[in-house]
PDB file of N, CA and C in Angstrom:
ATOM      1  N   UNK A   1      12.487  12.537 -23.248  1.00  0.00           N
ATOM      2  CA  UNK A   1      12.864  13.908 -22.988  1.00  0.00           C
ATOM      3  C   UNK A   1      13.316  14.539 -24.294  1.00  0.00           C
ATOM      4  N   UNK A   2      12.969  15.782 -24.509  1.00  0.00           N
ATOM      5  CA  UNK A   2      13.387  16.516 -25.703  1.00  0.00           C
ATOM      6  C   UNK A   2      14.256  17.705 -25.290  1.00  0.00           C
ATOM      7  N   UNK A   3      15.210  18.028 -26.127  1.00  0.00           N
ATOM      8  CA  UNK A   3      16.162  19.106 -25.864  1.00  0.00           C
ATOM      9  C   UNK A   3      16.356  19.874 -27.167  1.00  0.00           C
ATOM     10  N   UNK A   4      16.285  21.188 -27.111  1.00  0.00           N
ATOM     11  CA  UNK A   4      16.496  22.020 -28.288  1.00  0.00           C
ATOM     12  C   UNK A   4      17.698  22.918 -28.058  1.00  0.00           C
ATOM     13  N   UNK A   5      18.502  23.055 -29.106  1.00  0.00           N
ATOM     14  CA  UNK A   5      19.659  23.937 -29.043  1.00  0.00           C
ATOM     15  C   UNK A   5      19.711  24.733 -30.339  1.00  0.00           C
ATOM     16  N   UNK A   6      19.936  26.028 -30.206  1.00  0.00           N
ATOM     17  CA  UNK A   6      20.038  26.912 -31.358  1.00  0.00           C
ATOM     18  C   UNK A   6      21.498  27.322 -31.528  1.00  0.00           C
ATOM     19  N   UNK A   7      21.969  27.231 -32.756  1.00  0.00           N
ATOM     20  CA  UNK A   7      23.349  27.568 -33.077  1.00  0.00           C
ATOM     21  C   UNK A   7      23.341  28.515 -34.270  1.00  0.00           C
ATOM     22  N   UNK A   8      24.142  29.579 -34.197  1.00  0.00           N
ATOM     23  CA  UNK A   8      24.279  30.494 -35.324  1.00  0.00           C
ATOM     24  C   UNK A   8      25.678  30.318 -35.904  1.00  0.00           C
ATOM     25  N   UNK A   9      25.732  29.986 -37.189  1.00  0.00           N
ATOM     26  CA  UNK A   9      27.003  29.810 -37.877  1.00  0.00           C
ATOM     27  C   UNK A   9      27.553  31.168 -38.315  1.00  0.00           C
ATOM     28  N   UNK A  10      28.830  31.204 -38.689  1.00  0.00           N
ATOM     29  CA  UNK A  10      29.461  32.439 -39.145  1.00  0.00           C
ATOM     30  C   UNK A  10      28.745  33.031 -40.360  1.00  0.00           C
ATOM     31  N   UNK A  11      28.142  32.194 -41.171  1.00  0.00           N
ATOM     32  CA  UNK A  11      27.441  32.651 -42.375  1.00  0.00           C
ATOM     33  C   UNK A  11      26.113  33.338 -42.050  1.00  0.00           C
ATOM     34  N   UNK A  12      25.679  33.273 -40.789  1.00  0.00           N
ATOM     35  CA  UNK A  12      24.403  33.849 -40.390  1.00  0.00           C
ATOM     36  C   UNK A  12      23.286  32.829 -40.341  1.00  0.00           C
ATOM     37  N   UNK A  13      23.533  31.647 -40.867  1.00  0.00           N
ATOM     38  CA  UNK A  13      22.530  30.583 -40.839  1.00  0.00           C
ATOM     39  C   UNK A  13      22.310  30.138 -39.397  1.00  0.00           C
ATOM     40  N   UNK A  14      21.045  29.994 -39.042  1.00  0.00           N
ATOM     41  CA  UNK A  14      20.696  29.480 -37.719  1.00  0.00           C
ATOM     42  C   UNK A  14      20.333  28.016 -37.846  1.00  0.00           C
ATOM     43  N   UNK A  15      20.772  27.252 -36.878  1.00  0.00           N
ATOM     44  CA  UNK A  15      20.485  25.821 -36.857  1.00  0.00           C
ATOM     45  C   UNK A  15      19.768  25.492 -35.561  1.00  0.00           C
ATOM     46  N   UNK A  16      18.715  24.725 -35.702  1.00  0.00           N
ATOM     47  CA  UNK A  16      17.944  24.273 -34.548  1.00  0.00           C
ATOM     48  C   UNK A  16      18.133  22.766 -34.450  1.00  0.00           C
ATOM     49  N   UNK A  17      18.784  22.330 -33.388  1.00  0.00           N
ATOM     50  CA  UNK A  17      18.961  20.907 -33.122  1.00  0.00           C
ATOM     51  C   UNK A  17      17.890  20.464 -32.146  1.00  0.00           C
ATOM     52  N   UNK A  18      17.175  19.430 -32.504  1.00  0.00           N
ATOM     53  CA  UNK A  18      16.169  18.855 -31.615  1.00  0.00           C
ATOM     54  C   UNK A  18      16.633  17.438 -31.295  1.00  0.00           C
ATOM     55  N   UNK A  19      16.980  17.227 -30.046  1.00  0.00           N
ATOM     56  CA  UNK A  19      17.478  15.922 -29.617  1.00  0.00           C
ATOM     57  C   UNK A  19      16.449  15.315 -28.680  1.00  0.00           C
ATOM     58  N   UNK A  20      16.034  14.107 -28.997  1.00  0.00           N
ATOM     59  CA  UNK A  20      15.097  13.380 -28.148  1.00  0.00           C
ATOM     60  C   UNK A  20      15.767  12.099 -27.698  1.00  0.00           C
ATOM     61  N   UNK A  21      15.502  11.715 -26.476  1.00  0.00           N
ATOM     62  CA  UNK A  21      16.131  10.510 -25.975  1.00  0.00           C
ATOM     63  C   UNK A  21      15.280   9.802 -24.949  1.00  0.00           C
ATOM     64  N   UNK A  22      15.596   8.550 -24.799  1.00  0.00           N
ATOM     65  CA  UNK A  22      14.924   7.740 -23.785  1.00  0.00           C
ATOM     66  C   UNK A  22      15.922   6.722 -23.255  1.00  0.00           C
ATOM     67  N   UNK A  23      15.652   6.273 -22.056  1.00  0.00           N
ATOM     68  CA  UNK A  23      16.531   5.284 -21.439  1.00  0.00           C
ATOM     69  C   UNK A  23      16.178   3.905 -21.979  1.00  0.00           C
ATOM     70  N   UNK A  24      17.188   3.156 -22.391  1.00  0.00           N
ATOM     71  CA  UNK A  24      16.993   1.808 -22.905  1.00  0.00           C
ATOM     72  C   UNK A  24      17.751   0.844 -22.000  1.00  0.00           C
ATOM     73  N   UNK A  25      17.049   0.126 -21.127  1.00  0.00           N
ATOM     74  CA  UNK A  25      17.731  -0.766 -20.181  1.00  0.00           C
ATOM     75  C   UNK A  25      18.465  -1.924 -20.866  1.00  0.00           C
ATOM     76  N   UNK A  26      18.002  -2.355 -22.038  1.00  0.00           N
ATOM     77  CA  UNK A  26      18.679  -3.471 -22.701  1.00  0.00           C
ATOM     78  C   UNK A  26      20.024  -3.049 -23.289  1.00  0.00           C
ATOM     79  N   UNK A  27      20.164  -1.784 -23.641  1.00  0.00           N
ATOM     80  CA  UNK A  27      21.439  -1.285 -24.158  1.00  0.00           C
ATOM     81  C   UNK A  27      22.227  -0.559 -23.067  1.00  0.00           C
ATOM     82  N   UNK A  28      21.667  -0.535 -21.867  1.00  0.00           N
ATOM     83  CA  UNK A  28      22.256   0.124 -20.702  1.00  0.00           C
ATOM     84  C   UNK A  28      22.737   1.535 -21.010  1.00  0.00           C
ATOM     85  N   UNK A  29      21.845   2.330 -21.541  1.00  0.00           N
ATOM     86  CA  UNK A  29      22.198   3.715 -21.830  1.00  0.00           C
ATOM     87  C   UNK A  29      21.036   4.476 -22.433  1.00  0.00           C
ATOM     88  N   UNK A  30      21.374   5.611 -23.008  1.00  0.00           N
ATOM     89  CA  UNK A  30      20.389   6.489 -23.603  1.00  0.00           C
ATOM     90  C   UNK A  30      20.347   6.269 -25.109  1.00  0.00           C
ATOM     91  N   UNK A  31      19.153   6.163 -25.653  1.00  0.00           N
ATOM     92  CA  UNK A  31      18.967   6.075 -27.094  1.00  0.00           C
ATOM     93  C   UNK A  31      18.496   7.453 -27.560  1.00  0.00           C
ATOM     94  N   UNK A  32      19.239   8.068 -28.471  1.00  0.00           N
ATOM     95  CA  UNK A  32      18.910   9.421 -28.908  1.00  0.00           C
ATOM     96  C   UNK A  32      18.556   9.467 -30.387  1.00  0.00           C
ATOM     97  N   UNK A  33      17.739  10.447 -30.718  1.00  0.00           N
ATOM     98  CA  UNK A  33      17.420  10.772 -32.103  1.00  0.00           C
ATOM     99  C   UNK A  33      17.593  12.269 -32.252  1.00  0.00           C
ATOM    100  N   UNK A  34      18.153  12.692 -33.396  1.00  0.00           N
ATOM    101  CA  UNK A  34      18.411  14.094 -33.611  1.00  0.00           C
ATOM    102  C   UNK A  34      17.754  14.559 -34.904  1.00  0.00           C
ATOM    103  N   UNK A  35      17.149  15.726 -34.837  1.00  0.00           N
ATOM    104  CA  UNK A  35      16.582  16.360 -36.022  1.00  0.00           C
ATOM    105  C   UNK A  35      17.266  17.712 -36.181  1.00  0.00           C
ATOM    106  N   UNK A  36      17.595  18.067 -37.420  1.00  0.00           N
ATOM    107  CA  UNK A  36      18.264  19.327 -37.705  1.00  0.00           C
ATOM    108  C   UNK A  36      17.369  20.158 -38.611  1.00  0.00           C
ATOM    109  N   UNK A  37      17.134  21.395 -38.199  1.00  0.00           N
ATOM    110  CA  UNK A  37      16.387  22.344 -39.014  1.00  0.00           C
ATOM    111  C   UNK A  37      17.253  23.580 -39.214  1.00  0.00           C
ATOM    112  N   UNK A  38      17.111  24.239 -40.364  1.00  0.00           N
ATOM    113  CA  UNK A  38      17.921  25.421 -40.645  1.00  0.00           C
ATOM    114  C   UNK A  38      17.036  26.610 -40.983  1.00  0.00           C
ATOM    115  N   UNK A  39      17.634  27.786 -40.823  1.00  0.00           N
ATOM    116  CA  UNK A  39      16.980  29.032 -41.219  1.00  0.00           C
ATOM    117  C   UNK A  39      18.072  29.981 -41.671  1.00  0.00           C
ATOM    118  N   UNK A  40      18.042  30.360 -42.944  1.00  0.00           N
ATOM    119  CA  UNK A  40      19.009  31.317 -43.457  1.00  0.00           C
ATOM    120  C   UNK A  40      18.584  32.727 -43.053  1.00  0.00           C
ATOM    121  N   UNK A  41      19.515  33.705 -43.111  1.00  0.00           N
ATOM    122  CA  UNK A  41      19.220  35.051 -42.595  1.00  0.00           C
ATOM    123  C   UNK A  41      17.948  35.704 -43.149  1.00  0.00           C
ATOM    124  N   UNK A  42      17.602  35.470 -44.398  1.00  0.00           N
ATOM    125  CA  UNK A  42      16.436  36.134 -44.986  1.00  0.00           C
ATOM    126  C   UNK A  42      15.140  35.332 -44.818  1.00  0.00           C
ATOM    127  N   UNK A  43      15.210  34.204 -44.163  1.00  0.00           N
ATOM    128  CA  UNK A  43      14.030  33.351 -43.990  1.00  0.00           C
ATOM    129  C   UNK A  43      13.397  33.593 -42.624  1.00  0.00           C
ATOM    130  N   UNK A  44      12.107  33.295 -42.542  1.00  0.00           N
ATOM    131  CA  UNK A  44      11.382  33.507 -41.289  1.00  0.00           C
ATOM    132  C   UNK A  44      11.223  32.239 -40.459  1.00  0.00           C
ATOM    133  N   UNK A  45      11.217  31.074 -41.126  1.00  0.00           N
ATOM    134  CA  UNK A  45      10.925  29.831 -40.426  1.00  0.00           C
ATOM    135  C   UNK A  45      12.035  28.802 -40.634  1.00  0.00           C
ATOM    136  N   UNK A  46      12.151  27.901 -39.664  1.00  0.00           N
ATOM    137  CA  UNK A  46      13.088  26.798 -39.780  1.00  0.00           C
ATOM    138  C   UNK A  46      12.516  25.734 -40.708  1.00  0.00           C
ATOM    139  N   UNK A  47      13.399  25.052 -41.425  1.00  0.00           N
ATOM    140  CA  UNK A  47      12.991  23.985 -42.344  1.00  0.00           C
ATOM    141  C   UNK A  47      14.113  22.961 -42.442  1.00  0.00           C
ATOM    142  N   UNK A  48      13.825  21.753 -42.957  1.00  0.00           N
ATOM    143  CA  UNK A  48      14.884  20.751 -43.132  1.00  0.00           C
ATOM    144  C   UNK A  48      15.923  21.238 -44.141  1.00  0.00           C
ATOM    145  N   UNK A  49      17.176  20.836 -43.981  1.00  0.00           N
ATOM    146  CA  UNK A  49      18.228  21.262 -44.915  1.00  0.00           C
ATOM    147  C   UNK A  49      17.982  20.804 -46.347  1.00  0.00           C
ATOM    148  N   UNK A  50      17.359  19.659 -46.515  1.00  0.00           N
ATOM    149  CA  UNK A  50      17.107  19.139 -47.859  1.00  0.00           C
ATOM    150  C   UNK A  50      15.597  19.079 -48.060  1.00  0.00           C
ATOM    151  N   UNK A  51      15.112  19.968 -48.926  1.00  0.00           N
ATOM    152  CA  UNK A  51      13.691  19.997 -49.260  1.00  0.00           C
ATOM    153  C   UNK A  51      13.510  19.534 -50.698  1.00  0.00           C
ATOM    154  N   UNK A  52      12.280  19.519 -51.157  1.00  0.00           N
ATOM    155  CA  UNK A  52      11.971  18.977 -52.479  1.00  0.00           C
ATOM    156  C   UNK A  52      12.733  19.684 -53.610  1.00  0.00           C
ATOM    157  N   UNK A  53      13.085  20.936 -53.438  1.00  0.00           N
ATOM    158  CA  UNK A  53      13.814  21.666 -54.480  1.00  0.00           C
ATOM    159  C   UNK A  53      15.323  21.403 -54.454  1.00  0.00           C
ATOM    160  N   UNK A  54      15.813  20.727 -53.433  1.00  0.00           N
ATOM    161  CA  UNK A  54      17.245  20.439 -53.303  1.00  0.00           C
ATOM    162  C   UNK A  54      17.640  19.310 -54.255  1.00  0.00           C
ATOM    163  N   UNK A  55      18.807  19.423 -54.909  1.00  0.00           N
ATOM    164  CA  UNK A  55      19.224  18.377 -55.865  1.00  0.00           C
ATOM    165  C   UNK A  55      19.372  16.976 -55.261  1.00  0.00           C
ATOM    166  N   UNK A  56      19.626  16.870 -53.977  1.00  0.00           N
ATOM    167  CA  UNK A  56      19.809  15.561 -53.326  1.00  0.00           C
ATOM    168  C   UNK A  56      18.511  15.001 -52.742  1.00  0.00           C
ATOM    169  N   UNK A  57      17.376  15.688 -52.947  1.00  0.00           N
ATOM    170  CA  UNK A  57      16.115  15.279 -52.337  1.00  0.00           C
ATOM    171  C   UNK A  57      15.729  13.846 -52.695  1.00  0.00           C
ATOM    172  N   UNK A  58      15.787  13.497 -53.962  1.00  0.00           N
ATOM    173  CA  UNK A  58      15.341  12.160 -54.378  1.00  0.00           C
ATOM    174  C   UNK A  58      16.300  11.078 -53.907  1.00  0.00           C
ATOM    175  N   UNK A  59      17.576  11.422 -53.807  1.00  0.00           N
ATOM    176  CA  UNK A  59      18.547  10.479 -53.242  1.00  0.00           C
ATOM    177  C   UNK A  59      18.195  10.210 -51.773  1.00  0.00           C
ATOM    178  N   UNK A  60      17.792  11.254 -51.093  1.00  0.00           N
ATOM    179  CA  UNK A  60      17.418  11.169 -49.683  1.00  0.00           C
ATOM    180  C   UNK A  60      16.232  10.229 -49.486  1.00  0.00           C
ATOM    181  N   UNK A  61      15.270  10.286 -50.385  1.00  0.00           N
ATOM    182  CA  UNK A  61      14.070   9.457 -50.272  1.00  0.00           C
ATOM    183  C   UNK A  61      14.362   7.967 -50.458  1.00  0.00           C
ATOM    184  N   UNK A  62      15.465   7.635 -51.125  1.00  0.00           N
ATOM    185  CA  UNK A  62      15.807   6.233 -51.371  1.00  0.00           C
ATOM    186  C   UNK A  62      16.721   5.648 -50.302  1.00  0.00           C
ATOM    187  N   UNK A  63      17.082   6.430 -49.305  1.00  0.00           N
ATOM    188  CA  UNK A  63      18.009   5.981 -48.268  1.00  0.00           C
ATOM    189  C   UNK A  63      17.262   5.392 -47.077  1.00  0.00           C
ATOM    190  N   UNK A  64      18.003   4.642 -46.282  1.00  0.00           N
ATOM    191  CA  UNK A  64      17.490   4.183 -44.992  1.00  0.00           C
ATOM    192  C   UNK A  64      17.335   5.398 -44.080  1.00  0.00           C
ATOM    193  N   UNK A  65      16.437   5.331 -43.103  1.00  0.00           N
ATOM    194  CA  UNK A  65      16.212   6.497 -42.233  1.00  0.00           C
ATOM    195  C   UNK A  65      17.484   7.034 -41.566  1.00  0.00           C
ATOM    196  N   UNK A  66      18.349   6.154 -41.103  1.00  0.00           N
ATOM    197  CA  UNK A  66      19.580   6.609 -40.441  1.00  0.00           C
ATOM    198  C   UNK A  66      20.495   7.329 -41.428  1.00  0.00           C
ATOM    199  N   UNK A  67      20.629   6.798 -42.642  1.00  0.00           N
ATOM    200  CA  UNK A  67      21.450   7.453 -43.666  1.00  0.00           C
ATOM    201  C   UNK A  67      20.856   8.812 -44.032  1.00  0.00           C
ATOM    202  N   UNK A  68      19.555   8.863 -44.111  1.00  0.00           N
ATOM    203  CA  UNK A  68      18.854  10.102 -44.443  1.00  0.00           C
ATOM    204  C   UNK A  68      19.148  11.182 -43.398  1.00  0.00           C
ATOM    205  N   UNK A  69      19.102  10.818 -42.131  1.00  0.00           N
ATOM    206  CA  UNK A  69      19.391  11.777 -41.064  1.00  0.00           C
ATOM    207  C   UNK A  69      20.832  12.267 -41.135  1.00  0.00           C
ATOM    208  N   UNK A  70      21.761  11.358 -41.423  1.00  0.00           N
ATOM    209  CA  UNK A  70      23.169  11.748 -41.547  1.00  0.00           C
ATOM    210  C   UNK A  70      23.372  12.743 -42.683  1.00  0.00           C
ATOM    211  N   UNK A  71      22.693  12.527 -43.799  1.00  0.00           N
ATOM    212  CA  UNK A  71      22.814  13.442 -44.932  1.00  0.00           C
ATOM    213  C   UNK A  71      22.206  14.805 -44.583  1.00  0.00           C
ATOM    214  N   UNK A  72      21.099  14.817 -43.861  1.00  0.00           N
ATOM    215  CA  UNK A  72      20.490  16.074 -43.437  1.00  0.00           C
ATOM    216  C   UNK A  72      21.457  16.862 -42.547  1.00  0.00           C
ATOM    217  N   UNK A  73      22.112  16.173 -41.630  1.00  0.00           N
ATOM    218  CA  UNK A  73      23.075  16.823 -40.746  1.00  0.00           C
ATOM    219  C   UNK A  73      24.245  17.375 -41.552  1.00  0.00           C
ATOM    220  N   UNK A  74      24.744  16.588 -42.496  1.00  0.00           N
ATOM    221  CA  UNK A  74      25.869  17.021 -43.331  1.00  0.00           C
ATOM    222  C   UNK A  74      25.534  18.305 -44.103  1.00  0.00           C
ATOM    223  N   UNK A  75      24.337  18.358 -44.682  1.00  0.00           N
ATOM    224  CA  UNK A  75      23.955  19.511 -45.490  1.00  0.00           C
ATOM    225  C   UNK A  75      23.508  20.715 -44.663  1.00  0.00           C
ATOM    226  N   UNK A  76      23.377  20.562 -43.366  1.00  0.00           N
ATOM    227  CA  UNK A  76      23.014  21.708 -42.529  1.00  0.00           C
ATOM    228  C   UNK A  76      24.199  22.655 -42.366  1.00  0.00           C
ATOM    229  N   UNK A  77      25.407  22.122 -42.471  1.00  0.00           N
ATOM    230  CA  UNK A  77      26.602  22.942 -42.318  1.00  0.00           C
ATOM    231  C   UNK A  77      27.120  23.017 -40.893  1.00  0.00           C
ATOM    232  N   UNK A  78      26.492  22.308 -39.989  1.00  0.00           N
ATOM    233  CA  UNK A  78      26.918  22.354 -38.592  1.00  0.00           C
ATOM    234  C   UNK A  78      28.177  21.513 -38.397  1.00  0.00           C
ATOM    235  N   UNK A  79      29.181  22.058 -37.711  1.00  0.00           N
ATOM    236  CA  UNK A  79      30.408  21.292 -37.454  1.00  0.00           C
ATOM    237  C   UNK A  79      30.157  20.129 -36.486  1.00  0.00           C
ATOM    238  N   UNK A  80      30.900  19.055 -36.669  1.00  0.00           N
ATOM    239  CA  UNK A  80      30.785  17.884 -35.788  1.00  0.00           C
ATOM    240  C   UNK A  80      31.014  18.258 -34.324  1.00  0.00           C
ATOM    241  N   UNK A  81      31.918  19.196 -34.094  1.00  0.00           N
ATOM    242  CA  UNK A  81      32.225  19.626 -32.729  1.00  0.00           C
ATOM    243  C   UNK A  81      30.969  20.174 -32.042  1.00  0.00           C
ATOM    244  N   UNK A  82      30.163  20.941 -32.770  1.00  0.00           N
ATOM    245  CA  UNK A  82      28.936  21.498 -32.208  1.00  0.00           C
ATOM    246  C   UNK A  82      27.912  20.394 -31.908  1.00  0.00           C
ATOM    247  N   UNK A  83      27.867  19.395 -32.771  1.00  0.00           N
ATOM    248  CA  UNK A  83      26.946  18.275 -32.551  1.00  0.00           C
ATOM    249  C   UNK A  83      27.350  17.501 -31.298  1.00  0.00           C
ATOM    250  N   UNK A  84      28.631  17.210 -31.182  1.00  0.00           N
ATOM    251  CA  UNK A  84      29.113  16.495 -29.992  1.00  0.00           C
ATOM    252  C   UNK A  84      28.823  17.288 -28.716  1.00  0.00           C
ATOM    253  N   UNK A  85      29.018  18.606 -28.775  1.00  0.00           N
ATOM    254  CA  UNK A  85      28.759  19.462 -27.617  1.00  0.00           C
ATOM    255  C   UNK A  85      27.279  19.416 -27.245  1.00  0.00           C
ATOM    256  N   UNK A  86      26.401  19.506 -28.229  1.00  0.00           N
ATOM    257  CA  UNK A  86      24.961  19.459 -27.969  1.00  0.00           C
ATOM    258  C   UNK A  86      24.557  18.111 -27.375  1.00  0.00           C
ATOM    259  N   UNK A  87      25.143  17.022 -27.882  1.00  0.00           N
ATOM    260  CA  UNK A  87      24.833  15.697 -27.338  1.00  0.00           C
ATOM    261  C   UNK A  87      25.299  15.565 -25.893  1.00  0.00           C
ATOM    262  N   UNK A  88      26.471  16.108 -25.573  1.00  0.00           N
ATOM    263  CA  UNK A  88      26.952  16.085 -24.182  1.00  0.00           C
ATOM    264  C   UNK A  88      26.009  16.875 -23.274  1.00  0.00           C
ATOM    265  N   UNK A  89      25.566  18.052 -23.744  1.00  0.00           N
ATOM    266  CA  UNK A  89      24.633  18.857 -22.956  1.00  0.00           C
ATOM    267  C   UNK A  89      23.319  18.100 -22.730  1.00  0.00           C
ATOM    268  N   UNK A  90      22.841  17.438 -23.774  1.00  0.00           N
ATOM    269  CA  UNK A  90      21.612  16.659 -23.645  1.00  0.00           C
ATOM    270  C   UNK A  90      21.789  15.538 -22.634  1.00  0.00           C
ATOM    271  N   UNK A  91      22.889  14.800 -22.738  1.00  0.00           N
ATOM    272  CA  UNK A  91      23.131  13.690 -21.824  1.00  0.00           C
ATOM    273  C   UNK A  91      23.227  14.175 -20.377  1.00  0.00           C
ATOM    274  N   UNK A  92      23.852  15.339 -20.178  1.00  0.00           N
ATOM    275  CA  UNK A  92      23.964  15.898 -18.833  1.00  0.00           C
ATOM    276  C   UNK A  92      22.578  16.279 -18.306  1.00  0.00           C
ATOM    277  N   UNK A  93      21.765  16.928 -19.150  1.00  0.00           N
ATOM    278  CA  UNK A  93      20.411  17.298 -18.752  1.00  0.00           C
ATOM    279  C   UNK A  93      19.558  16.054 -18.513  1.00  0.00           C
ATOM    280  N   UNK A  94      19.725  15.044 -19.338  1.00  0.00           N
ATOM    281  CA  UNK A  94      18.967  13.807 -19.196  1.00  0.00           C
ATOM    282  C   UNK A  94      19.306  13.117 -17.884  1.00  0.00           C
ATOM    283  N   UNK A  95      20.592  13.126 -17.532  1.00  0.00           N
ATOM    284  CA  UNK A  95      21.030  12.473 -16.296  1.00  0.00           C
ATOM    285  C   UNK A  95      20.421  13.155 -15.068  1.00  0.00           C
ATOM    286  N   UNK A  96      20.305  14.477 -15.099  1.00  0.00           N
ATOM    287  CA  UNK A  96      19.733  15.180 -13.951  1.00  0.00           C
ATOM    288  C   UNK A  96      18.214  15.029 -13.929  1.00  0.00           C
ATOM    289  N   UNK A  97      17.621  14.818 -15.117  1.00  0.00           N
ATOM    290  CA  UNK A  97      16.162  14.650 -15.213  1.00  0.00           C
ATOM    291  C   UNK A  97      15.737  13.261 -14.768  1.00  0.00           C
ATOM    292  N   UNK A  98      16.539  12.258 -15.103  1.00  0.00           N
ATOM    293  CA  UNK A  98      16.163  10.854 -14.827  1.00  0.00           C
ATOM    294  C   UNK A  98      16.336  10.482 -13.377  1.00  0.00           C
TER     295      UNK A  98
END
C-alpha cells in the first residue's frame, strides 16, 4: 500500500512524503519505507532534497541505503513531529485497508 502526504512548511517549501508499507508476518507488523521530495515556492516540480549540485551529494552516494534516506529526510526540513504524524496516519489507513 502507498500513502502520500503533502506538507507546507512556514518557509513556503512543500514536502511530499511517500510512505509504502507491507505486512511482514515474521516481524509481526508493518514494514514501511519513506521517500521525501521537496518543492520550493519558485519551483514547479518535486525533487529529492539532495541532488547532484548539493554539497552532500557525494557523501550520500557512499552511505548505506538506510543512512542515505535519513540524510534526505534531515535535509528536507520536515520536523520529526510531522513525520511521526504521517506514519501514524499511514498505519491507521493500512489497518483499515488490510
